[in-house]
Amino acid sequence: MTRMYALFTATLLAISAPSFAQAAREGVAAPRKAAAAVVNINTAGVAELETLPGVGSRTAALIVEYRQKNGPFKKIEELMNVRGRGEKTFLKLRPQLTIAGTARAAASETRH
């Protein structure tokens, strides 16, 4: 039985190995994770906030709850005021966060 298993495993490796080697020769890269989109923390709902790395349903709900209680974020750094969101986590998320395009931001831009 062990001999049959070894033969089966060797056959599978022989069949799959050339395809990996061929892909490497042709420059075919492994599929990459899509770049995360920028999320507006003043308008995003729970589902959109969950697309951020490290943000689950509970954290997303806390962000929405904070926004409802305190009004829209004036600066993205205010996200660190949400329970469980410290500086280290914020710095990882920062490139994917925005507050631009909110009604308050648009109103202040038209005044200047």
C-alpha atoms as a PDB file:
ATOM      1  CA  MET A   1       0.000   0.000   0.000  1.00  0.00           C
ATOM      2  CA  THR A   2       2.841   2.395   0.862  1.00  0.00           C
ATOM      3  CA  ARG A   3       4.511   1.685  -2.454  1.00  0.00           C
ATOM      4  CA  MET A   4       1.315   2.505  -4.315  1.00  0.00           C
ATOM      5  CA  TYR A   5       0.978   5.765  -2.375  1.00  0.00           C
ATOM      6  CA  ALA A   6       4.561   6.728  -3.204  1.00  0.00           C
ATOM      7  CA  LEU A   7       3.988   6.013  -6.896  1.00  0.00           C
ATOM      8  CA  PHE A   8       0.789   8.065  -6.863  1.00  0.00           C
ATOM      9  CA  THR A   9       2.532  11.010  -5.144  1.00  0.00           C
ATOM     10  CA  ALA A  10       5.471  10.878  -7.566  1.00  0.00           C
ATOM     11  CA  THR A  11       3.073  10.880 -10.518  1.00  0.00           C
ATOM     12  CA  LEU A  12       1.237  13.934  -9.188  1.00  0.00           C
ATOM     13  CA  LEU A  13       4.497  15.790  -8.672  1.00  0.00           C
ATOM     14  CA  ALA A  14       5.687  14.930 -12.154  1.00  0.00           C
ATOM     15  CA  ILE A  15       2.475  16.199 -13.688  1.00  0.00           C
ATOM     16  CA  SER A  16       2.287  19.450 -11.734  1.00  0.00           C
ATOM     17  CA  ALA A  17       5.993  20.350 -11.608  1.00  0.00           C
ATOM     18  CA  PRO A  18       6.404  21.200 -15.303  1.00  0.00           C
ATOM     19  CA  SER A  19       3.460  23.587 -15.206  1.00  0.00           C
ATOM     20  CA  PHE A  20       5.045  25.548 -12.332  1.00  0.00           C
ATOM     21  CA  ALA A  21       8.412  25.601 -14.092  1.00  0.00           C
ATOM     22  CA  GLN A  22       6.800  26.721 -17.345  1.00  0.00           C
ATOM     23  CA  ALA A  23       4.924  29.512 -15.573  1.00  0.00           C
ATOM     24  CA  ALA A  24       8.173  30.698 -14.000  1.00  0.00           C
ATOM     25  CA  ARG A  25       9.964  30.669 -17.375  1.00  0.00           C
ATOM     26  CA  GLU A  26       7.171  32.632 -19.027  1.00  0.00           C
ATOM     27  CA  GLY A  27       7.179  35.224 -16.255  1.00  0.00           C
ATOM     28  CA  VAL A  28       3.697  34.433 -15.062  1.00  0.00           C
ATOM     29  CA  ALA A  29       3.423  35.747 -11.545  1.00  0.00           C
ATOM     30  CA  ALA A  30       1.315  34.303  -8.806  1.00  0.00           C
ATOM     31  CA  PRO A  31      -1.991  36.092  -8.351  1.00  0.00           C
ATOM     32  CA  ARG A  32      -1.623  39.122  -6.118  1.00  0.00           C
ATOM     33  CA  LYS A  33      -4.064  40.451  -3.629  1.00  0.00           C
ATOM     34  CA  ALA A  34      -5.839  43.454  -5.090  1.00  0.00           C
ATOM     35  CA  ALA A  35      -4.732  46.805  -3.741  1.00  0.00           C
ATOM     36  CA  ALA A  36      -7.145  47.993  -1.109  1.00  0.00           C
ATOM     37  CA  ALA A  37      -9.278  50.947  -2.038  1.00  0.00           C
ATOM     38  CA  VAL A  38      -9.305  54.193  -0.091  1.00  0.00           C
ATOM     39  CA  VAL A  39     -12.202  54.287   2.374  1.00  0.00           C
ATOM     40  CA  ASN A  40     -13.932  57.478   3.499  1.00  0.00           C
ATOM     41  CA  ILE A  41     -14.358  56.981   7.230  1.00  0.00           C
ATOM     42  CA  ASN A  42     -17.096  59.632   7.358  1.00  0.00           C
ATOM     43  CA  THR A  43     -19.374  57.969   4.835  1.00  0.00           C
ATOM     44  CA  ALA A  44     -18.443  54.270   4.908  1.00  0.00           C
ATOM     45  CA  GLY A  45     -20.828  51.766   6.401  1.00  0.00           C
ATOM     46  CA  VAL A  46     -19.859  48.692   8.358  1.00  0.00           C
ATOM     47  CA  ALA A  47     -19.425  46.539   5.241  1.00  0.00           C
ATOM     48  CA  GLU A  48     -17.078  49.018   3.557  1.00  0.00           C
ATOM     49  CA  LEU A  49     -15.048  49.546   6.730  1.00  0.00           C
ATOM     50  CA  GLU A  50     -14.591  45.767   6.996  1.00  0.00           C
ATOM     51  CA  THR A  51     -12.633  45.846   3.721  1.00  0.00           C
ATOM     52  CA  LEU A  52      -9.784  47.542   5.598  1.00  0.00           C
ATOM     53  CA  PRO A  53      -7.076  45.152   6.823  1.00  0.00           C
ATOM     54  CA  GLY A  54      -7.500  44.276  10.473  1.00  0.00           C
ATOM     55  CA  VAL A  55     -10.987  45.771  10.708  1.00  0.00           C
ATOM     56  CA  GLY A  56     -13.671  43.237  11.521  1.00  0.00           C
ATOM     57  CA  SER A  57     -17.389  43.680  12.031  1.00  0.00           C
ATOM     58  CA  ARG A  58     -17.026  44.701  15.678  1.00  0.00           C
ATOM     59  CA  THR A  59     -14.404  47.367  14.995  1.00  0.00           C
ATOM     60  CA  ALA A  60     -16.351  48.663  11.992  1.00  0.00           C
ATOM     61  CA  ALA A  61     -19.453  48.977  14.153  1.00  0.00           C
ATOM     62  CA  LEU A  62     -17.442  50.873  16.797  1.00  0.00           C
ATOM     63  CA  ILE A  63     -16.207  53.315  14.139  1.00  0.00           C
ATOM     64  CA  VAL A  64     -19.757  53.969  12.914  1.00  0.00           C
ATOM     65  CA  GLU A  65     -20.999  54.321  16.502  1.00  0.00           C
ATOM     66  CA  TYR A  66     -18.215  56.802  17.330  1.00  0.00           C
ATOM     67  CA  ARG A  67     -19.073  58.826  14.224  1.00  0.00           C
ATOM     68  CA  GLN A  68     -22.767  58.905  15.142  1.00  0.00           C
ATOM     69  CA  LYS A  69     -22.038  60.094  18.696  1.00  0.00           C
ATOM     70  CA  ASN A  70     -19.289  62.612  17.877  1.00  0.00           C
ATOM     71  CA  GLY A  71     -20.098  63.768  14.366  1.00  0.00           C
ATOM     72  CA  PRO A  72     -17.916  63.334  11.298  1.00  0.00           C
ATOM     73  CA  PHE A  73     -14.174  62.956  11.657  1.00  0.00           C
ATOM     74  CA  LYS A  74     -12.382  66.267  11.096  1.00  0.00           C
ATOM     75  CA  LYS A  75      -8.994  64.553  10.693  1.00  0.00           C
ATOM     76  CA  ILE A  76      -8.269  60.901   9.953  1.00  0.00           C
ATOM     77  CA  GLU A  77      -6.081  60.826  13.073  1.00  0.00           C
ATOM     78  CA  GLU A  78      -9.278  61.023  15.147  1.00  0.00           C
ATOM     79  CA  LEU A  79      -9.772  57.355  14.279  1.00  0.00           C
ATOM     80  CA  MET A  80      -7.347  56.642  17.129  1.00  0.00           C
ATOM     81  CA  ASN A  81     -10.074  57.878  19.510  1.00  0.00           C
ATOM     82  CA  VAL A  82     -12.170  54.823  18.638  1.00  0.00           C
ATOM     83  CA  ARG A  83     -11.761  52.100  21.245  1.00  0.00           C
ATOM     84  CA  GLY A  84      -9.254  49.509  20.089  1.00  0.00           C
ATOM     85  CA  ARG A  85      -7.673  51.693  17.403  1.00  0.00           C
ATOM     86  CA  GLY A  86      -4.248  52.778  18.584  1.00  0.00           C
ATOM     87  CA  GLU A  87      -1.431  54.564  16.838  1.00  0.00           C
ATOM     88  CA  LYS A  88       0.201  51.392  15.554  1.00  0.00           C
ATOM     89  CA  THR A  89      -2.998  50.167  13.908  1.00  0.00           C
ATOM     90  CA  PHE A  90      -3.796  53.645  12.609  1.00  0.00           C
ATOM     91  CA  LEU A  91      -0.406  53.975  10.925  1.00  0.00           C
ATOM     92  CA  LYS A  92      -1.006  50.714   9.039  1.00  0.00           C
ATOM     93  CA  LEU A  93      -4.403  51.919   7.829  1.00  0.00           C
ATOM     94  CA  ARG A  94      -3.515  55.554   7.139  1.00  0.00           C
ATOM     95  CA  PRO A  95      -2.776  55.190   3.391  1.00  0.00           C
ATOM     96  CA  GLN A  96      -6.241  53.703   2.901  1.00  0.00           C
ATOM     97  CA  LEU A  97      -8.198  56.328   4.852  1.00  0.00           C
ATOM     98  CA  THR A  98      -9.750  59.600   3.786  1.00  0.00           C
ATOM     99  CA  ILE A  99     -12.327  62.098   4.939  1.00  0.00           C
ATOM    100  CA  ALA A 100     -12.295  64.047   1.659  1.00  0.00           C
ATOM    101  CA  GLY A 101     -15.533  64.441  -0.197  1.00  0.00           C
ATOM    102  CA  THR A 102     -17.782  64.665   2.848  1.00  0.00           C
ATOM    103  CA  ALA A 103     -20.435  67.380   2.991  1.00  0.00           C
ATOM    104  CA  ARG A 104     -18.548  69.274   5.725  1.00  0.00           C
ATOM    105  CA  ALA A 105     -15.270  69.147   3.783  1.00  0.00           C
ATOM    106  CA  ALA A 106     -17.003  70.301   0.589  1.00  0.00           C
ATOM    107  CA  ALA A 107     -18.662  73.204   2.430  1.00  0.00           C
ATOM    108  CA  SER A 108     -15.362  74.381   3.908  1.00  0.00           C
ATOM    109  CA  GLU A 109     -13.642  74.163   0.524  1.00  0.00           C
ATOM    110  CA  THR A 110     -16.245  76.401  -1.131  1.00  0.00           C
ATOM    111  CA  ARG A 111     -15.751  79.094   1.532  1.00  0.00           C
ATOM    112  CA  HIS A 112     -12.022  79.475   0.736  1.00  0.00           C
END
